[in-house]
Amino acid sequence: MMTYANTLDAADHLSLEEQEQLAATLRQRIAERRRAELIEAVGEARTEFARGRIKPASAAVIAKLIKP
């Protein structure tokens, strides 16, 4: 299993251009994963709404619910 430290050490052996490409690839993959998570969450929320388990709320009300 590759650890975070091993991954950083391996990246140090790449050329600067390869490190930049790696960073860009990681940013893209992270964005894709976040997008997939958001799509899943929206789908779940729509299902819950269709079942009548949640009701529409304003952004202000939602902000108050999630604010620490």
C-alpha atoms as a PDB file:
ATOM      1  CA  MET A   1       0.000   0.000   0.000  1.00  0.00           C
ATOM      2  CA  MET A   2       1.334   3.409  -0.928  1.00  0.00           C
ATOM      3  CA  THR A   3       1.260   5.974   1.857  1.00  0.00           C
ATOM      4  CA  TYR A   4       0.940   9.717   1.535  1.00  0.00           C
ATOM      5  CA  ALA A   5       4.624  10.138   2.380  1.00  0.00           C
ATOM      6  CA  ASN A   6       5.618   7.547  -0.239  1.00  0.00           C
ATOM      7  CA  THR A   7       3.510   9.363  -2.797  1.00  0.00           C
ATOM      8  CA  LEU A   8       5.199  12.686  -2.016  1.00  0.00           C
ATOM      9  CA  ASP A   9       8.616  11.074  -2.232  1.00  0.00           C
ATOM     10  CA  ALA A  10       7.719   9.520  -5.589  1.00  0.00           C
ATOM     11  CA  ALA A  11       6.489  12.894  -6.862  1.00  0.00           C
ATOM     12  CA  ASP A  12       9.839  14.433  -5.895  1.00  0.00           C
ATOM     13  CA  HIS A  13      11.492  12.152  -8.448  1.00  0.00           C
ATOM     14  CA  LEU A  14       9.359  13.550 -11.264  1.00  0.00           C
ATOM     15  CA  SER A  15      10.470  16.455 -13.416  1.00  0.00           C
ATOM     16  CA  LEU A  16       8.917  19.841 -12.708  1.00  0.00           C
ATOM     17  CA  GLU A  17       6.714  19.482 -15.791  1.00  0.00           C
ATOM     18  CA  GLU A  18       5.552  16.038 -14.668  1.00  0.00           C
ATOM     19  CA  GLN A  19       4.807  17.396 -11.187  1.00  0.00           C
ATOM     20  CA  GLU A  20       2.705  20.161 -12.742  1.00  0.00           C
ATOM     21  CA  GLN A  21       0.849  17.604 -14.863  1.00  0.00           C
ATOM     22  CA  LEU A  22       0.299  15.420 -11.803  1.00  0.00           C
ATOM     23  CA  ALA A  23      -1.076  18.379  -9.835  1.00  0.00           C
ATOM     24  CA  ALA A  24      -3.416  19.322 -12.697  1.00  0.00           C
ATOM     25  CA  THR A  25      -4.597  15.723 -13.028  1.00  0.00           C
ATOM     26  CA  LEU A  26      -5.264  15.482  -9.299  1.00  0.00           C
ATOM     27  CA  ARG A  27      -7.209  18.768  -9.320  1.00  0.00           C
ATOM     28  CA  GLN A  28      -9.326  17.491 -12.218  1.00  0.00           C
ATOM     29  CA  ARG A  29      -9.995  14.150 -10.531  1.00  0.00           C
ATOM     30  CA  ILE A  30     -10.936  15.883  -7.277  1.00  0.00           C
ATOM     31  CA  ALA A  31     -13.351  18.149  -9.143  1.00  0.00           C
ATOM     32  CA  GLU A  32     -14.899  15.120 -10.864  1.00  0.00           C
ATOM     33  CA  ARG A  33     -15.336  13.328  -7.530  1.00  0.00           C
ATOM     34  CA  ARG A  34     -16.898  16.410  -5.925  1.00  0.00           C
ATOM     35  CA  ARG A  35     -19.231  16.738  -8.922  1.00  0.00           C
ATOM     36  CA  ALA A  36     -20.253  13.077  -8.605  1.00  0.00           C
ATOM     37  CA  GLU A  37     -20.899  13.533  -4.870  1.00  0.00           C
ATOM     38  CA  LEU A  38     -23.025  16.598  -5.566  1.00  0.00           C
ATOM     39  CA  ILE A  39     -25.013  14.779  -8.259  1.00  0.00           C
ATOM     40  CA  GLU A  40     -25.669  11.934  -5.819  1.00  0.00           C
ATOM     41  CA  ALA A  41     -26.719  14.322  -3.039  1.00  0.00           C
ATOM     42  CA  VAL A  42     -29.082  16.190  -5.344  1.00  0.00           C
ATOM     43  CA  GLY A  43     -30.596  12.910  -6.496  1.00  0.00           C
ATOM     44  CA  GLU A  44     -31.149  11.819  -2.906  1.00  0.00           C
ATOM     45  CA  ALA A  45     -32.683  15.181  -2.020  1.00  0.00           C
ATOM     46  CA  ARG A  46     -35.037  14.995  -5.000  1.00  0.00           C
ATOM     47  CA  THR A  47     -36.113  11.504  -3.982  1.00  0.00           C
ATOM     48  CA  GLU A  48     -36.731  12.635  -0.397  1.00  0.00           C
ATOM     49  CA  PHE A  49     -38.670  15.659  -1.664  1.00  0.00           C
ATOM     50  CA  ALA A  50     -40.786  13.469  -3.963  1.00  0.00           C
ATOM     51  CA  ARG A  51     -41.588  11.225  -0.984  1.00  0.00           C
ATOM     52  CA  GLY A  52     -42.655  14.249   1.034  1.00  0.00           C
ATOM     53  CA  ARG A  53     -39.912  13.837   3.618  1.00  0.00           C
ATOM     54  CA  ILE A  54     -38.480  17.298   3.081  1.00  0.00           C
ATOM     55  CA  LYS A  55     -40.047  20.622   2.188  1.00  0.00           C
ATOM     56  CA  PRO A  56     -38.754  23.603   0.232  1.00  0.00           C
ATOM     57  CA  ALA A  57     -36.826  26.185   2.268  1.00  0.00           C
ATOM     58  CA  SER A  58     -35.155  29.490   1.516  1.00  0.00           C
ATOM     59  CA  ALA A  59     -31.391  29.803   1.396  1.00  0.00           C
ATOM     60  CA  ALA A  60     -31.518  31.928   4.560  1.00  0.00           C
ATOM     61  CA  VAL A  61     -33.337  29.194   6.488  1.00  0.00           C
ATOM     62  CA  ILE A  62     -30.931  26.513   5.262  1.00  0.00           C
ATOM     63  CA  ALA A  63     -27.927  28.689   6.174  1.00  0.00           C
ATOM     64  CA  LYS A  64     -29.247  29.007   9.739  1.00  0.00           C
ATOM     65  CA  LEU A  65     -29.612  25.229   9.990  1.00  0.00           C
ATOM     66  CA  ILE A  66     -26.048  24.459   8.944  1.00  0.00           C
ATOM     67  CA  LYS A  67     -24.283  27.383  10.622  1.00  0.00           C
ATOM     68  CA  PRO A  68     -22.239  26.233  13.640  1.00  0.00           C
END
